[in-house]
Protein backbone atom coordinates (compact mmCIF):
# COMPACT_ATOMS: atom_id res chain seq x y z
CA UNK A 1 -79.56 26.64 141.05
CA UNK A 2 -81.32 27.40 137.75
CA UNK A 3 -84.49 27.97 139.72
CA UNK A 4 -82.66 30.50 141.94
CA UNK A 5 -81.24 32.30 138.92
CA UNK A 6 -84.74 32.44 137.38
CA UNK A 7 -86.16 33.85 140.63
CA UNK A 8 -83.36 36.46 140.80
CA UNK A 9 -83.91 37.51 137.18
CA UNK A 10 -87.62 37.82 137.81
CA UNK A 11 -87.02 39.94 140.90
CA UNK A 12 -84.65 42.23 139.02
CA UNK A 13 -87.13 42.61 136.17
CA UNK A 14 -89.90 43.44 138.63
CA UNK A 15 -87.69 45.98 140.36
CA UNK A 16 -86.76 47.56 137.05
CA UNK A 17 -90.44 47.73 136.09
CA UNK A 18 -91.37 49.37 139.38
CA UNK A 19 -88.47 51.80 139.06
CA UNK A 20 -89.60 52.72 135.55
CA UNK A 21 -93.15 53.25 136.78
CA UNK A 22 -91.85 55.41 139.60
CA UNK A 23 -89.76 57.47 137.21
CA UNK A 24 -92.75 57.92 134.92
CA UNK A 25 -94.92 58.91 137.83
CA UNK A 26 -92.34 61.45 139.02
CA UNK A 27 -91.72 62.86 135.54
CA UNK A 28 -91.93 66.65 135.46
CA UNK A 29 -94.77 68.10 133.39
CA UNK A 30 -94.22 71.62 132.08
CA UNK A 31 -97.19 73.74 131.08
CA UNK A 32 -96.54 76.46 128.51
CA UNK A 33 -98.16 79.74 129.62
CA UNK A 34 -98.61 82.71 127.27
CA UNK A 35 -99.57 86.32 127.88
CA UNK A 36 -99.02 89.66 126.15
CA UNK A 37 -98.10 91.81 129.13
CA UNK A 38 -94.57 92.99 130.00
CA UNK A 39 -92.41 91.07 132.50
CA UNK A 40 -92.91 93.78 135.13
CA UNK A 41 -96.70 93.44 135.08
CA UNK A 42 -98.80 92.04 137.92
CA UNK A 43 -99.95 89.14 135.74
CA UNK A 44 -96.37 87.97 135.21
CA UNK A 45 -95.53 88.26 138.90
CA UNK A 46 -98.66 86.41 140.03
CA UNK A 47 -98.25 83.67 137.41
CA UNK A 48 -94.71 83.11 138.69
CA UNK A 49 -96.06 82.81 142.24
CA UNK A 50 -98.71 80.36 141.06
CA UNK A 51 -96.05 78.34 139.24
CA UNK A 52 -93.92 78.20 142.39
CA UNK A 53 -96.96 77.03 144.36
CA UNK A 54 -97.77 74.31 141.81
CA UNK A 55 -94.17 73.08 141.81
CA UNK A 56 -94.05 72.98 145.60
CA UNK A 57 -97.39 71.23 146.09
CA UNK A 58 -96.68 68.70 143.34
CA UNK A 59 -93.22 67.86 144.63
CA UNK A 60 -91.69 69.30 141.48
CA UNK A 61 -93.90 67.28 139.10
CA UNK A 62 -95.81 70.27 137.68
CA UNK A 63 -94.15 73.47 136.52
CA UNK A 64 -95.07 76.52 134.49
CA UNK A 65 -92.96 77.80 131.61
CA UNK A 66 -94.15 81.40 131.17
CA UNK A 67 -93.81 83.41 127.94
CA UNK A 68 -94.65 87.12 128.54
CA UNK A 69 -94.75 90.10 126.17
CA UNK A 70 -96.50 88.37 123.24
CA UNK A 71 -93.61 85.96 122.63
CA UNK A 72 -96.04 83.30 121.39
CA UNK A 73 -98.53 85.61 119.71
CA UNK A 74 -100.17 89.07 119.79
CA UNK A 75 -102.74 90.19 122.33
CA UNK A 76 -105.73 89.40 120.09
CA UNK A 77 -104.55 85.79 119.57
CA UNK A 78 -103.98 84.76 123.18
CA UNK A 79 -107.24 82.85 123.59
CA UNK A 80 -106.65 81.08 120.28
CA UNK A 81 -103.19 80.00 121.41
CA UNK A 82 -104.75 78.05 124.26
CA UNK A 83 -107.67 76.80 122.18
CA UNK A 84 -105.36 75.49 119.44
CA UNK A 85 -102.81 74.00 121.84
CA UNK A 86 -99.95 76.31 120.90
CA UNK A 87 -99.96 77.24 124.58
CA UNK A 88 -101.36 75.13 127.41
CA UNK A 89 -102.53 78.20 129.34
CA UNK A 90 -103.04 81.77 128.14
CA UNK A 91 -104.17 85.12 129.49
CA UNK A 92 -106.60 86.81 127.13
CA UNK A 93 -108.06 90.32 127.10
CA UNK A 94 -111.68 90.29 125.95
CA UNK A 95 -111.74 93.87 124.74
CA UNK A 96 -109.35 93.32 121.83
CA UNK A 97 -111.79 91.05 119.97
CA UNK A 98 -115.02 93.12 120.01
CA UNK A 99 -118.25 91.12 119.83
CA UNK A 100 -116.59 87.76 120.36
CA UNK A 101 -117.41 87.61 124.09
CA UNK A 102 -120.57 89.74 124.28
CA UNK A 103 -121.77 88.64 127.71
CA UNK A 104 -118.37 89.10 129.33
CA UNK A 105 -118.03 92.52 127.71
CA UNK A 106 -121.08 93.77 129.63
CA UNK A 107 -118.83 94.02 132.69
CA UNK A 108 -116.97 96.81 130.87
CA UNK A 109 -120.04 99.00 130.56
CA UNK A 110 -119.55 102.37 132.28
CA UNK A 111 -119.91 102.52 136.05
CA UNK A 112 -120.85 98.86 136.54
CA UNK A 113 -119.53 97.00 139.59
CA UNK A 114 -120.78 94.76 142.42
CA UNK A 115 -122.56 96.59 145.22
CA UNK A 116 -119.90 95.28 147.61
CA UNK A 117 -117.14 97.23 145.86
CA UNK A 118 -115.40 98.11 142.61
CA UNK A 119 -111.87 97.06 143.47
CA UNK A 120 -110.31 94.17 141.58
CA UNK A 121 -110.35 91.69 144.48
CA UNK A 122 -114.15 91.98 144.58
CA UNK A 123 -114.87 92.21 140.85
CA UNK A 124 -112.48 89.44 139.81
CA UNK A 125 -113.89 87.02 142.37
CA UNK A 126 -117.48 87.85 141.44
CA UNK A 127 -116.86 87.40 137.73
CA UNK A 128 -115.10 84.08 138.36
CA UNK A 129 -118.05 82.89 140.43
CA UNK A 130 -120.42 83.67 137.56
CA UNK A 131 -118.21 82.22 134.81
CA UNK A 132 -119.47 78.59 134.92
CA UNK A 133 -123.12 79.63 134.55
CA UNK A 134 -122.87 82.59 132.19
CA UNK A 135 -119.49 82.72 130.44
CA UNK A 136 -118.21 79.18 129.77
CA UNK A 137 -120.35 78.78 126.66
CA UNK A 138 -118.82 81.83 124.97
CA UNK A 139 -115.32 80.50 125.64
CA UNK A 140 -115.55 77.30 123.55
CA UNK A 141 -112.47 75.10 123.44
CA UNK A 142 -111.14 76.67 126.62
CA UNK A 143 -111.28 75.78 130.29
CA UNK A 144 -111.65 78.97 132.34
CA UNK A 145 -109.29 78.84 135.32
CA UNK A 146 -110.20 82.28 136.64
CA UNK A 147 -111.34 85.70 135.48
CA UNK A 148 -109.74 89.04 136.27
CA UNK A 149 -111.15 92.56 136.21
CA UNK A 150 -109.03 95.69 136.30
CA UNK A 151 -109.69 98.64 138.52
CA UNK A 152 -111.71 101.22 136.56
CA UNK A 153 -109.75 102.71 133.68
CA UNK A 154 -109.09 106.44 133.63
CA UNK A 155 -108.31 108.91 130.90
CA UNK A 156 -104.66 109.95 130.65
CA UNK A 157 -103.75 112.77 128.29
CA UNK A 158 -100.43 113.93 126.92
CA UNK A 159 -101.15 117.66 126.95
CA UNK A 160 -104.77 118.71 127.45
CA UNK A 161 -106.21 118.72 130.97
CA UNK A 162 -109.81 117.51 131.06
CA UNK A 163 -112.03 119.38 133.48
CA UNK A 164 -115.44 118.84 131.90
CA UNK A 165 -117.30 116.56 129.53
CA UNK A 166 -116.91 119.21 126.82
CA UNK A 167 -113.12 118.96 127.01
CA UNK A 168 -113.17 115.52 125.37
CA UNK A 169 -114.40 116.86 122.03
CA UNK A 170 -111.95 116.39 119.20
CA UNK A 171 -109.42 114.30 121.13
CA UNK A 172 -107.99 111.07 119.71
CA UNK A 173 -107.99 108.49 122.47
CA UNK A 174 -106.45 105.04 122.54
CA UNK A 175 -108.85 102.36 123.74
CA UNK A 176 -109.29 98.61 124.10
CA UNK A 177 -112.77 97.13 123.88
CA UNK A 178 -116.05 97.90 122.18
CA UNK A 179 -117.53 99.47 125.29
CA UNK A 180 -114.72 102.00 125.55
CA UNK A 181 -115.00 102.79 121.85
CA UNK A 182 -118.63 103.71 122.42
CA UNK A 183 -117.79 105.71 125.55
CA UNK A 184 -115.15 107.74 123.72
CA UNK A 185 -117.47 108.36 120.76
CA UNK A 186 -120.28 109.49 123.08
CA UNK A 187 -117.89 112.03 124.60
CA UNK A 188 -117.23 113.54 121.19
CA UNK A 189 -113.72 112.13 120.88
CA UNK A 190 -112.29 109.68 118.34
CA UNK A 191 -111.40 106.14 119.51
CA UNK A 192 -108.18 104.70 118.08
CA UNK A 193 -107.23 101.05 118.58
CA UNK A 194 -103.57 101.04 119.58
CA UNK A 195 -101.85 97.95 121.06
CA UNK A 196 -100.91 98.50 124.71
CA UNK A 197 -97.17 98.20 124.07
CA UNK A 198 -97.35 100.88 121.34
CA UNK A 199 -99.30 103.44 123.38
CA UNK A 200 -96.28 105.26 124.80
CA UNK A 201 -94.90 105.77 121.31
CA UNK A 202 -98.31 106.85 120.02
CA UNK A 203 -98.63 109.47 122.76
CA UNK A 204 -95.09 110.78 122.33
CA UNK A 205 -95.54 111.18 118.56
CA UNK A 206 -98.98 112.78 118.83
CA UNK A 207 -100.73 109.91 117.05
CA UNK A 208 -103.14 109.85 120.00
CA UNK A 209 -103.90 112.61 122.50
CA UNK A 210 -104.84 110.31 125.34
CA UNK A 211 -105.31 106.72 126.45
CA UNK A 212 -107.48 104.65 128.76
CA UNK A 213 -105.67 102.57 131.38
CA UNK A 214 -105.82 101.76 135.07
CA UNK A 215 -102.92 103.23 137.01
CA UNK A 216 -101.14 99.87 137.34
CA UNK A 217 -100.91 99.62 133.55
CA UNK A 218 -99.53 103.14 133.19
CA UNK A 219 -96.63 102.00 135.33
CA UNK A 220 -96.13 98.75 133.38
CA UNK A 221 -96.03 100.62 130.06
CA UNK A 222 -94.15 103.62 131.52
CA UNK A 223 -96.75 106.15 130.37
CA UNK A 224 -95.75 108.64 133.06
CA UNK A 225 -92.92 109.75 130.79
CA UNK A 226 -95.35 111.01 128.11
CA UNK A 227 -98.58 111.75 130.04
CA UNK A 228 -99.15 115.07 131.82
CA UNK A 229 -102.72 114.65 133.09
CA UNK A 230 -104.91 111.89 134.53
CA UNK A 231 -108.64 112.14 135.24
CA UNK A 232 -110.49 110.46 138.11
CA UNK A 233 -112.74 108.62 138.80
CA UNK A 234 -112.34 105.65 136.47
CA UNK A 235 -115.26 104.99 134.18
CA UNK A 236 -115.03 101.41 132.96
CA UNK A 237 -113.10 98.20 133.52
CA UNK A 238 -111.31 95.68 131.33
CA UNK A 239 -111.73 91.92 131.72
CA UNK A 240 -109.30 89.04 131.30
CA UNK A 241 -109.61 85.28 131.46
CA UNK A 242 -106.87 82.81 132.35
CA UNK A 243 -107.77 79.78 130.25
CA UNK A 244 -106.37 76.30 129.69
CA UNK A 245 -106.52 73.90 126.77
CA UNK A 246 -109.08 71.26 127.88
CA UNK A 247 -107.26 68.37 126.20
CA UNK A 248 -104.06 69.26 128.03
CA UNK A 249 -105.92 69.48 131.32
CA UNK A 250 -107.56 66.09 130.75
CA UNK A 251 -104.19 64.52 129.93
CA UNK A 252 -102.81 65.31 133.38
CA UNK A 253 -102.72 62.73 136.19
CA UNK A 254 -105.78 63.00 138.42
CA UNK A 255 -103.89 64.45 141.37
CA UNK A 256 -102.46 67.25 139.21
CA UNK A 257 -105.92 68.04 137.85
CA UNK A 258 -107.11 68.37 141.44
CA UNK A 259 -104.14 70.62 142.21
CA UNK A 260 -104.96 72.98 139.35
CA UNK A 261 -108.61 73.10 140.35
CA UNK A 262 -107.64 73.76 143.96
CA UNK A 263 -105.31 76.64 143.13
CA UNK A 264 -107.58 78.47 140.65
CA UNK A 265 -111.23 79.56 140.60
CA UNK A 266 -112.83 82.43 142.60
CA UNK A 267 -110.36 82.23 145.49
CA UNK A 268 -107.42 82.63 143.14
CA UNK A 269 -109.26 85.47 141.40
CA UNK A 270 -109.66 87.27 144.73
CA UNK A 271 -105.96 86.82 145.57
CA UNK A 272 -104.94 87.97 142.13
CA UNK A 273 -107.34 90.91 142.34
CA UNK A 274 -105.80 91.95 145.65
CA UNK A 275 -102.40 92.03 143.92
CA UNK A 276 -103.98 94.11 141.14
CA UNK A 277 -105.30 96.53 143.78
CA UNK A 278 -101.88 96.87 145.35
CA UNK A 279 -100.34 97.51 141.94
CA UNK A 280 -103.00 100.16 141.32
CA UNK A 281 -101.80 102.08 144.39
CA UNK A 282 -98.20 101.80 143.27
CA UNK A 283 -99.22 102.92 139.78
CA UNK A 284 -100.87 106.05 141.09
CA UNK A 285 -97.79 106.81 143.17
CA UNK A 286 -95.68 106.30 140.06
CA UNK A 287 -97.75 108.84 138.11
CA UNK A 288 -97.44 111.36 140.94
CA UNK A 289 -93.68 110.79 141.01
CA UNK A 290 -93.58 111.65 137.30
CA UNK A 291 -95.34 114.94 138.03
CA UNK A 292 -98.54 113.88 136.30
CA UNK A 293 -101.37 116.18 137.40
CA UNK A 294 -104.33 114.15 138.67
CA UNK A 295 -107.72 115.86 138.41
CA UNK A 296 -111.15 114.83 139.66
CA UNK A 297 -114.38 115.55 137.81
CA UNK A 298 -116.61 117.93 139.74
CA UNK A 299 -119.86 116.35 141.02
CA UNK A 300 -122.00 118.13 138.41
CA UNK A 301 -119.70 116.98 135.59
CA UNK A 302 -119.70 113.42 136.91
CA UNK A 303 -123.51 113.45 136.94
CA UNK A 304 -123.49 114.71 133.36
CA UNK A 305 -120.99 112.00 132.41
CA UNK A 306 -123.14 109.23 133.90
CA UNK A 307 -126.24 110.56 132.13
CA UNK A 308 -124.32 110.55 128.85
CA UNK A 309 -123.28 106.93 129.44
CA UNK A 310 -126.70 105.49 130.33
CA UNK A 311 -127.84 105.03 126.70
CA UNK A 312 -124.73 102.91 126.10
CA UNK A 313 -125.74 100.60 128.97
CA UNK A 314 -129.35 100.39 127.80
CA UNK A 315 -128.33 99.71 124.20
CA UNK A 316 -125.84 96.99 125.13
CA UNK A 317 -128.37 95.16 127.28
CA UNK A 318 -131.04 95.41 124.58
CA UNK A 319 -128.63 94.02 121.98
CA UNK A 320 -127.68 91.15 124.27
CA UNK A 321 -131.32 90.20 124.77
CA UNK A 322 -131.93 90.43 121.01
CA UNK A 323 -129.10 87.90 120.49
CA UNK A 324 -130.62 85.56 123.04
CA UNK A 325 -127.91 86.28 125.61
CA UNK A 326 -128.85 86.49 129.30
CA UNK A 327 -127.47 90.02 129.44
CA UNK A 328 -129.74 91.55 132.07
CA UNK A 329 -129.71 88.45 134.24
CA UNK A 330 -125.91 88.31 134.10
CA UNK A 331 -125.34 92.00 134.80
CA UNK A 332 -127.89 91.96 137.62
CA UNK A 333 -126.03 89.01 139.17
CA UNK A 334 -122.68 90.77 138.74
CA UNK A 335 -123.76 94.09 140.22
CA UNK A 336 -125.88 92.60 143.02
């Protein structure tokens, strides 16, 4: 009888142990995700979709807890939030920390895009493909999940219509990124660093005369209420990286690591870029609906613009080589 009771107790203990192991295995892991963009932005929408996909494929074991609109920190601190573990994943904009990501910033040089196309689905995928070889080393303390590239940014002005290169002279233009600062200066205008969320206010109060954004961002920040003119074609792009804290990634169970790897990378960048492209169309429609007048540079003016921009490209590549960066090799691979 005692032997039976001992056997029963042992069986119950084993069952309890197995149940505890099962509960631990099934425990939900929440990853804290930070970005600076508003809740109506494409990034927020696509991160939510990714989170739903992770939850579904993991059987509810892996979820994303997303904090938009700089809730965890300002735009220029997003990469640091992931590096320092304040966030597990963050979306950073390279242009707001000039010189910190010099190789990546070459993508934002004027009129640079892959030969296969300049839309975001193409550029985001290509940049993500090149990230392991060229960009990982300048993102220390971060695991790059995928890269994103906007559609080319255009000039949007509150009052003055731009018809020629000469029309830029004297304007104060909001920008993000060292490349755009140089572009604006070369055009005879003054670059002013204004946070994206403050641009509408800056335009309405006359602090800046214009701003550089893709159409999708003008919709997110509701610039159609203060902008009267937009100028095509776009001249330069902005780059983002979706990064993860490496220690957090390494702490995950192996199957969840595989899941994250499977749902990110170049394929995710292409899917995200396609969503960016769709938002760009909606953004242009939004500007038209707000009675914003969209102008196109005449061919001769566009030729003059490109000639004015070439020294910026040459100088950036020369500086990269001087710093020992594979600038020309990287940009050749990107634009191939």
